[in-house]
Amino acid sequence: MAAARHAVTASAVTGDDLEAEGERYLYGNGVAENCGRARKSLLAAAQRSNAKAQNVLGTMYATGHCATRDLPTAYRWFGRSLHKDPGNTRIEQDLKVLWNQMTPEEQKLALRGER
């Protein structure tokens, strides 16, 4: 029976499913924490334009949890998330806080990826 559940085709897995799986592994909710698996699932969800996954990736890079702390990369992920979820005041605030934490060089790097 378990094998049948895993036989679902990759195309049947939604961005929401991948995002939820990523967060489970990121925080160890019901499974052992596994940063690699979390990142893989979240990236797959983000590539399917899942705003929540993009936001979680931004948080990972902003905090350094399960990713190397990289503020320009975090800024770009938050920006993508806001693009998919315009008007989300929490993401807008996260972007402002992050911008103020970055050096001028990091700000240039953050904007370079937004083209």
C-alpha atoms as a PDB file:
ATOM      1  CA  MET A   1       0.000   0.000   0.000  1.00  0.00           C
ATOM      2  CA  ALA A   2       2.812   2.422   0.820  1.00  0.00           C
ATOM      3  CA  ALA A   3       4.435   1.649  -2.517  1.00  0.00           C
ATOM      4  CA  ALA A   4       1.222   2.621  -4.282  1.00  0.00           C
ATOM      5  CA  ARG A   5       1.299   6.048  -2.630  1.00  0.00           C
ATOM      6  CA  HIS A   6       4.833   6.631  -3.892  1.00  0.00           C
ATOM      7  CA  ALA A   7       3.895   5.594  -7.418  1.00  0.00           C
ATOM      8  CA  VAL A   8       2.167   8.933  -8.047  1.00  0.00           C
ATOM      9  CA  THR A   9       3.724  10.645 -11.028  1.00  0.00           C
ATOM     10  CA  ALA A  10       5.845  13.721 -10.460  1.00  0.00           C
ATOM     11  CA  SER A  11       3.416  15.822 -12.494  1.00  0.00           C
ATOM     12  CA  ALA A  12       0.628  15.005 -10.018  1.00  0.00           C
ATOM     13  CA  VAL A  13       2.574  16.568  -7.152  1.00  0.00           C
ATOM     14  CA  THR A  14       1.544  20.179  -6.687  1.00  0.00           C
ATOM     15  CA  GLY A  15       3.649  23.132  -5.645  1.00  0.00           C
ATOM     16  CA  ASP A  16       1.669  23.206  -2.411  1.00  0.00           C
ATOM     17  CA  ASP A  17       2.547  19.548  -1.737  1.00  0.00           C
ATOM     18  CA  LEU A  18       6.228  20.227  -2.375  1.00  0.00           C
ATOM     19  CA  GLU A  19       6.180  23.343  -0.205  1.00  0.00           C
ATOM     20  CA  ALA A  20       4.538  21.488   2.689  1.00  0.00           C
ATOM     21  CA  GLU A  21       7.045  18.654   2.375  1.00  0.00           C
ATOM     22  CA  GLY A  22       9.906  21.130   2.319  1.00  0.00           C
ATOM     23  CA  GLU A  23       8.734  22.813   5.501  1.00  0.00           C
ATOM     24  CA  ARG A  24       8.307  19.447   7.255  1.00  0.00           C
ATOM     25  CA  TYR A  25      11.941  18.596   6.542  1.00  0.00           C
ATOM     26  CA  LEU A  26      13.143  22.127   7.231  1.00  0.00           C
ATOM     27  CA  TYR A  27      11.730  22.154  10.755  1.00  0.00           C
ATOM     28  CA  GLY A  28      11.630  18.408  11.477  1.00  0.00           C
ATOM     29  CA  ASN A  29       7.834  18.303  11.802  1.00  0.00           C
ATOM     30  CA  GLY A  30       6.964  14.607  11.948  1.00  0.00           C
ATOM     31  CA  VAL A  31      10.216  13.673  10.189  1.00  0.00           C
ATOM     32  CA  ALA A  32      13.897  14.053  10.929  1.00  0.00           C
ATOM     33  CA  GLU A  33      15.203  17.486   9.946  1.00  0.00           C
ATOM     34  CA  ASN A  34      16.876  17.169   6.556  1.00  0.00           C
ATOM     35  CA  CYS A  35      18.125  20.433   5.075  1.00  0.00           C
ATOM     36  CA  GLY A  36      19.019  18.938   1.703  1.00  0.00           C
ATOM     37  CA  ARG A  37      15.614  17.385   1.214  1.00  0.00           C
ATOM     38  CA  ALA A  38      13.901  20.547   2.469  1.00  0.00           C
ATOM     39  CA  ARG A  39      15.827  22.726   0.026  1.00  0.00           C
ATOM     40  CA  LYS A  40      15.148  20.335  -2.879  1.00  0.00           C
ATOM     41  CA  SER A  41      11.385  20.304  -2.239  1.00  0.00           C
ATOM     42  CA  LEU A  42      11.187  24.046  -1.664  1.00  0.00           C
ATOM     43  CA  LEU A  43      13.166  24.804  -4.831  1.00  0.00           C
ATOM     44  CA  ALA A  44      10.891  22.508  -6.837  1.00  0.00           C
ATOM     45  CA  ALA A  45       7.826  24.268  -5.415  1.00  0.00           C
ATOM     46  CA  ALA A  46       9.371  27.700  -6.041  1.00  0.00           C
ATOM     47  CA  GLN A  47      10.049  26.734  -9.656  1.00  0.00           C
ATOM     48  CA  ARG A  48       6.318  26.034  -9.919  1.00  0.00           C
ATOM     49  CA  SER A  49       5.719  29.654  -8.840  1.00  0.00           C
ATOM     50  CA  ASN A  50       4.683  28.751  -5.287  1.00  0.00           C
ATOM     51  CA  ALA A  51       4.858  32.076  -3.397  1.00  0.00           C
ATOM     52  CA  LYS A  52       5.027  30.423   0.031  1.00  0.00           C
ATOM     53  CA  ALA A  53       8.016  28.283  -0.997  1.00  0.00           C
ATOM     54  CA  GLN A  54       9.728  31.378  -2.403  1.00  0.00           C
ATOM     55  CA  ASN A  55       9.111  33.153   0.892  1.00  0.00           C
ATOM     56  CA  VAL A  56      10.469  30.228   2.939  1.00  0.00           C
ATOM     57  CA  LEU A  57      13.595  30.143   0.752  1.00  0.00           C
ATOM     58  CA  GLY A  58      14.022  33.866   1.388  1.00  0.00           C
ATOM     59  CA  THR A  59      13.817  33.214   5.114  1.00  0.00           C
ATOM     60  CA  MET A  60      16.342  30.377   4.878  1.00  0.00           C
ATOM     61  CA  TYR A  61      18.899  32.581   3.136  1.00  0.00           C
ATOM     62  CA  ALA A  62      18.163  35.571   5.387  1.00  0.00           C
ATOM     63  CA  THR A  63      18.663  33.563   8.584  1.00  0.00           C
ATOM     64  CA  GLY A  64      21.188  30.970   7.480  1.00  0.00           C
ATOM     65  CA  HIS A  65      18.917  28.110   8.587  1.00  0.00           C
ATOM     66  CA  CYS A  66      19.562  25.156   6.260  1.00  0.00           C
ATOM     67  CA  ALA A  67      21.314  27.473   3.789  1.00  0.00           C
ATOM     68  CA  THR A  68      24.367  29.692   3.720  1.00  0.00           C
ATOM     69  CA  ARG A  69      23.322  33.153   4.908  1.00  0.00           C
ATOM     70  CA  ASP A  70      23.126  35.222   1.715  1.00  0.00           C
ATOM     71  CA  LEU A  71      21.148  38.449   1.965  1.00  0.00           C
ATOM     72  CA  PRO A  72      21.050  39.277  -1.786  1.00  0.00           C
ATOM     73  CA  THR A  73      19.706  35.796  -2.549  1.00  0.00           C
ATOM     74  CA  ALA A  74      17.178  36.145   0.285  1.00  0.00           C
ATOM     75  CA  TYR A  75      16.092  39.509  -1.139  1.00  0.00           C
ATOM     76  CA  ARG A  76      15.554  38.007  -4.594  1.00  0.00           C
ATOM     77  CA  TRP A  77      13.472  35.120  -3.180  1.00  0.00           C
ATOM     78  CA  PHE A  78      11.326  37.533  -1.158  1.00  0.00           C
ATOM     79  CA  GLY A  79      10.926  39.668  -4.278  1.00  0.00           C
ATOM     80  CA  ARG A  80       9.715  36.693  -6.316  1.00  0.00           C
ATOM     81  CA  SER A  81       7.295  35.790  -3.543  1.00  0.00           C
ATOM     82  CA  LEU A  82       5.923  39.349  -3.437  1.00  0.00           C
ATOM     83  CA  HIS A  83       5.551  39.314  -7.224  1.00  0.00           C
ATOM     84  CA  LYS A  84       3.315  36.225  -6.897  1.00  0.00           C
ATOM     85  CA  ASP A  85       1.506  37.606  -3.828  1.00  0.00           C
ATOM     86  CA  PRO A  86       1.336  41.384  -4.422  1.00  0.00           C
ATOM     87  CA  GLY A  87       0.207  43.469  -1.518  1.00  0.00           C
ATOM     88  CA  ASN A  88       1.476  41.007   1.084  1.00  0.00           C
ATOM     89  CA  THR A  89       2.549  43.515   3.722  1.00  0.00           C
ATOM     90  CA  ARG A  90       4.618  41.001   5.667  1.00  0.00           C
ATOM     91  CA  ILE A  91       6.799  40.244   2.645  1.00  0.00           C
ATOM     92  CA  GLU A  92       7.041  43.974   1.865  1.00  0.00           C
ATOM     93  CA  GLN A  93       8.254  44.572   5.420  1.00  0.00           C
ATOM     94  CA  ASP A  94      10.741  41.672   5.211  1.00  0.00           C
ATOM     95  CA  LEU A  95      12.165  43.215   2.030  1.00  0.00           C
ATOM     96  CA  LYS A  96      12.578  46.615   3.699  1.00  0.00           C
ATOM     97  CA  VAL A  97      14.282  45.141   6.762  1.00  0.00           C
ATOM     98  CA  LEU A  98      16.557  43.022   4.596  1.00  0.00           C
ATOM     99  CA  TRP A  99      17.442  45.988   2.354  1.00  0.00           C
ATOM    100  CA  ASN A 100      18.505  47.998   5.403  1.00  0.00           C
ATOM    101  CA  GLN A 101      20.713  45.141   6.631  1.00  0.00           C
ATOM    102  CA  MET A 102      22.613  44.853   3.348  1.00  0.00           C
ATOM    103  CA  THR A 103      25.798  46.649   2.431  1.00  0.00           C
ATOM    104  CA  PRO A 104      25.762  48.769  -0.763  1.00  0.00           C
ATOM    105  CA  GLU A 105      27.575  45.916  -2.554  1.00  0.00           C
ATOM    106  CA  GLU A 106      24.972  43.394  -1.405  1.00  0.00           C
ATOM    107  CA  GLN A 107      22.208  45.748  -2.552  1.00  0.00           C
ATOM    108  CA  LYS A 108      23.758  45.856  -6.030  1.00  0.00           C
ATOM    109  CA  LEU A 109      23.918  42.065  -6.097  1.00  0.00           C
ATOM    110  CA  ALA A 110      20.309  41.830  -4.960  1.00  0.00           C
ATOM    111  CA  LEU A 111      19.124  44.100  -7.765  1.00  0.00           C
ATOM    112  CA  ARG A 112      21.293  42.456 -10.403  1.00  0.00           C
ATOM    113  CA  GLY A 113      19.198  39.301 -10.158  1.00  0.00           C
ATOM    114  CA  GLU A 114      15.886  41.128 -10.636  1.00  0.00           C
ATOM    115  CA  ARG A 115      16.208  41.861 -14.363  1.00  0.00           C
END
